[in-house]
Amino acid sequence: MVKKKQLRSHCPINFGLEAFGDKWTLLILRDIVFRGKRTYGEFLKSEEGFATNILASRLEQLLENGILKKEPSTEDARKDSYSLTEKGLDLIPLLFEMVLWSSKYDRHSEAHRIPKLVELIKKNNRKISEEVREKVLRGEAIVKYYLEK
């Protein structure tokens, strides 16, 4: 049985940081929500260049914190497939707020390639988050729906 780690404090910001608060865990969440990635190998191919030990550690952390679940892949039983739990799906609005922040302060942000999504988030983050949630549950890459051509 895995022993629950004690929180440093019960500050709401600290709670989030201890659950998913480094860049690598957020990039895993991004890859699942925006890019439809599901396997260790897919995460490993991310442009930021995960080190294998960091990726394995962060996936385990997300599993332990109940943000991800792991099941054998339907395409290849030798691989595991990771998906968001209810707790993980509830992070979609937070990720969307990060997209808005990036689009405002980074003039080179990839958010500028998805202006339709950015506008929908600005208009009603909760509503678009609920719509996107269904796509994420199906393992779809949501960015393709909103990408400007």
Protein backbone atom coordinates (compact mmCIF):
# COMPACT_ATOMS: atom_id res chain seq x y z
CA MET A 1 0.00 0.00 0.00
CA VAL A 2 1.32 3.44 -0.94
CA LYS A 3 1.70 5.77 2.01
CA LYS A 4 0.06 9.15 1.47
CA LYS A 5 2.56 11.99 1.47
CA GLN A 6 1.95 14.71 4.03
CA LEU A 7 1.19 18.14 2.58
CA ARG A 8 3.50 20.96 3.60
CA SER A 9 0.40 23.05 4.22
CA HIS A 10 -3.27 23.12 3.28
CA CYS A 11 -2.95 26.36 1.36
CA PRO A 12 -4.97 25.88 -1.87
CA ILE A 13 -2.02 26.94 -4.04
CA ASN A 14 0.32 24.54 -2.21
CA PHE A 15 -2.20 21.70 -2.65
CA GLY A 16 -2.15 22.21 -6.42
CA LEU A 17 1.61 22.59 -6.57
CA GLU A 18 2.18 19.37 -4.67
CA ALA A 19 -0.26 17.50 -6.93
CA PHE A 20 0.88 18.78 -10.33
CA GLY A 21 3.11 21.76 -9.76
CA ASP A 22 6.19 21.31 -11.87
CA LYS A 23 6.58 21.92 -15.57
CA TRP A 24 6.91 18.25 -16.45
CA THR A 25 3.60 17.22 -14.89
CA LEU A 26 1.84 20.14 -16.54
CA LEU A 27 3.34 19.15 -19.90
CA ILE A 28 1.98 15.62 -19.48
CA LEU A 29 -1.45 17.10 -18.78
CA ARG A 30 -1.08 19.36 -21.83
CA ASP A 31 -0.14 16.41 -24.01
CA ILE A 32 -3.20 14.45 -22.92
CA VAL A 33 -5.70 17.33 -23.21
CA PHE A 34 -4.42 19.20 -26.24
CA ARG A 35 -2.54 16.57 -28.22
CA GLY A 36 -4.36 13.34 -27.39
CA LYS A 37 -1.21 11.55 -26.23
CA ARG A 38 -1.72 8.47 -24.09
CA THR A 39 1.41 6.30 -23.91
CA TYR A 40 4.85 6.64 -22.37
CA GLY A 41 6.41 6.60 -25.85
CA GLU A 42 4.13 9.39 -27.06
CA PHE A 43 4.99 11.55 -24.05
CA LEU A 44 8.68 10.84 -24.60
CA LYS A 45 8.42 12.39 -28.09
CA SER A 46 7.28 15.78 -26.71
CA GLU A 47 9.32 18.66 -28.09
CA GLU A 48 10.48 19.67 -24.60
CA GLY A 49 12.52 16.47 -24.35
CA PHE A 50 11.48 14.49 -21.30
CA ALA A 51 14.28 12.54 -19.64
CA THR A 52 13.06 8.98 -19.15
CA ASN A 53 13.52 9.06 -15.37
CA ILE A 54 11.65 12.38 -15.06
CA LEU A 55 8.78 11.15 -17.24
CA ALA A 56 8.43 7.91 -15.26
CA SER A 57 8.55 9.82 -11.98
CA ARG A 58 5.94 12.38 -13.01
CA LEU A 59 3.57 9.77 -14.41
CA GLU A 60 3.84 7.90 -11.10
CA GLN A 61 3.19 11.12 -9.16
CA LEU A 62 0.09 11.86 -11.24
CA LEU A 63 -1.14 8.29 -10.68
CA GLU A 64 -0.51 8.49 -6.92
CA ASN A 65 -2.35 11.82 -6.73
CA GLY A 66 -5.38 10.39 -8.53
CA ILE A 67 -5.03 12.70 -11.53
CA LEU A 68 -4.22 9.93 -14.01
CA LYS A 69 -5.24 6.32 -14.35
CA LYS A 70 -3.33 3.63 -16.23
CA GLU A 71 -4.75 0.75 -18.23
CA PRO A 72 -3.34 -1.62 -20.84
CA SER A 73 -3.47 0.01 -24.28
CA THR A 74 -6.29 -1.18 -26.51
CA GLU A 75 -3.92 -1.08 -29.52
CA ASP A 76 -0.97 -2.89 -27.92
CA ALA A 77 -1.40 -4.80 -24.64
CA ARG A 78 2.37 -4.49 -24.00
CA LYS A 79 1.90 -0.75 -23.53
CA ASP A 80 0.04 1.19 -20.90
CA SER A 81 -2.42 3.92 -21.75
CA TYR A 82 -2.78 6.91 -19.43
CA SER A 83 -5.93 8.96 -19.14
CA LEU A 84 -7.34 11.61 -16.87
CA THR A 85 -9.49 10.69 -13.89
CA GLU A 86 -12.38 12.90 -12.82
CA LYS A 87 -9.89 14.80 -10.66
CA GLY A 88 -7.64 15.26 -13.69
CA LEU A 89 -10.49 16.34 -15.97
CA ASP A 90 -11.33 19.04 -13.43
CA LEU A 91 -7.95 20.64 -14.28
CA ILE A 92 -9.03 21.51 -17.84
CA PRO A 93 -10.31 25.01 -16.89
CA LEU A 94 -6.99 25.69 -15.15
CA LEU A 95 -5.04 24.65 -18.26
CA PHE A 96 -7.30 26.89 -20.34
CA GLU A 97 -6.55 29.84 -18.04
CA MET A 98 -2.85 29.20 -18.66
CA VAL A 99 -3.56 29.35 -22.41
CA LEU A 100 -5.23 32.76 -21.94
CA TRP A 101 -2.34 34.03 -19.85
CA SER A 102 0.17 32.85 -22.44
CA SER A 103 -1.78 34.40 -25.31
CA LYS A 104 -1.77 37.72 -23.46
CA TYR A 105 1.89 37.84 -22.43
CA ASP A 106 3.81 35.74 -25.00
CA ARG A 107 3.58 37.26 -28.46
CA HIS A 108 5.01 34.00 -29.91
CA SER A 109 2.61 31.76 -27.98
CA GLU A 110 1.14 28.84 -29.87
CA ALA A 111 -2.16 30.04 -28.41
CA HIS A 112 -2.23 32.56 -31.29
CA ARG A 113 -2.65 29.59 -33.66
CA ILE A 114 -5.93 28.63 -31.94
CA PRO A 115 -7.80 31.96 -31.72
CA LYS A 116 -11.20 30.22 -31.87
CA LEU A 117 -10.42 28.27 -28.72
CA VAL A 118 -8.92 31.30 -26.99
CA GLU A 119 -12.10 33.30 -27.68
CA LEU A 120 -14.31 30.46 -26.43
CA ILE A 121 -12.26 30.25 -23.24
CA LYS A 122 -12.51 34.02 -22.74
CA LYS A 123 -16.27 33.93 -23.31
CA ASN A 124 -17.03 31.02 -20.97
CA ASN A 125 -14.20 28.83 -19.71
CA ARG A 126 -16.48 26.49 -17.76
CA LYS A 127 -18.75 25.83 -20.72
CA ILE A 128 -15.96 25.11 -23.22
CA SER A 129 -14.17 23.01 -20.58
CA GLU A 130 -17.24 20.78 -20.26
CA GLU A 131 -17.44 20.40 -24.05
CA VAL A 132 -13.73 19.60 -24.33
CA ARG A 133 -13.96 17.13 -21.47
CA GLU A 134 -15.98 14.74 -23.65
CA LYS A 135 -13.36 14.86 -26.41
CA VAL A 136 -10.56 14.23 -23.90
CA LEU A 137 -12.45 11.25 -22.48
CA ARG A 138 -12.48 9.80 -26.00
CA GLY A 139 -8.72 10.40 -26.28
CA GLU A 140 -9.03 13.05 -28.98
CA ALA A 141 -6.49 15.81 -29.57
CA ILE A 142 -8.59 18.92 -29.05
CA VAL A 143 -6.16 21.33 -30.64
CA LYS A 144 -7.05 19.97 -34.10
CA TYR A 145 -10.63 21.21 -33.65
CA TYR A 146 -9.54 24.77 -33.03
CA LEU A 147 -6.35 25.11 -35.07
CA GLU A 148 -6.39 27.99 -37.55
CA LYS A 149 -5.32 26.95 -41.00
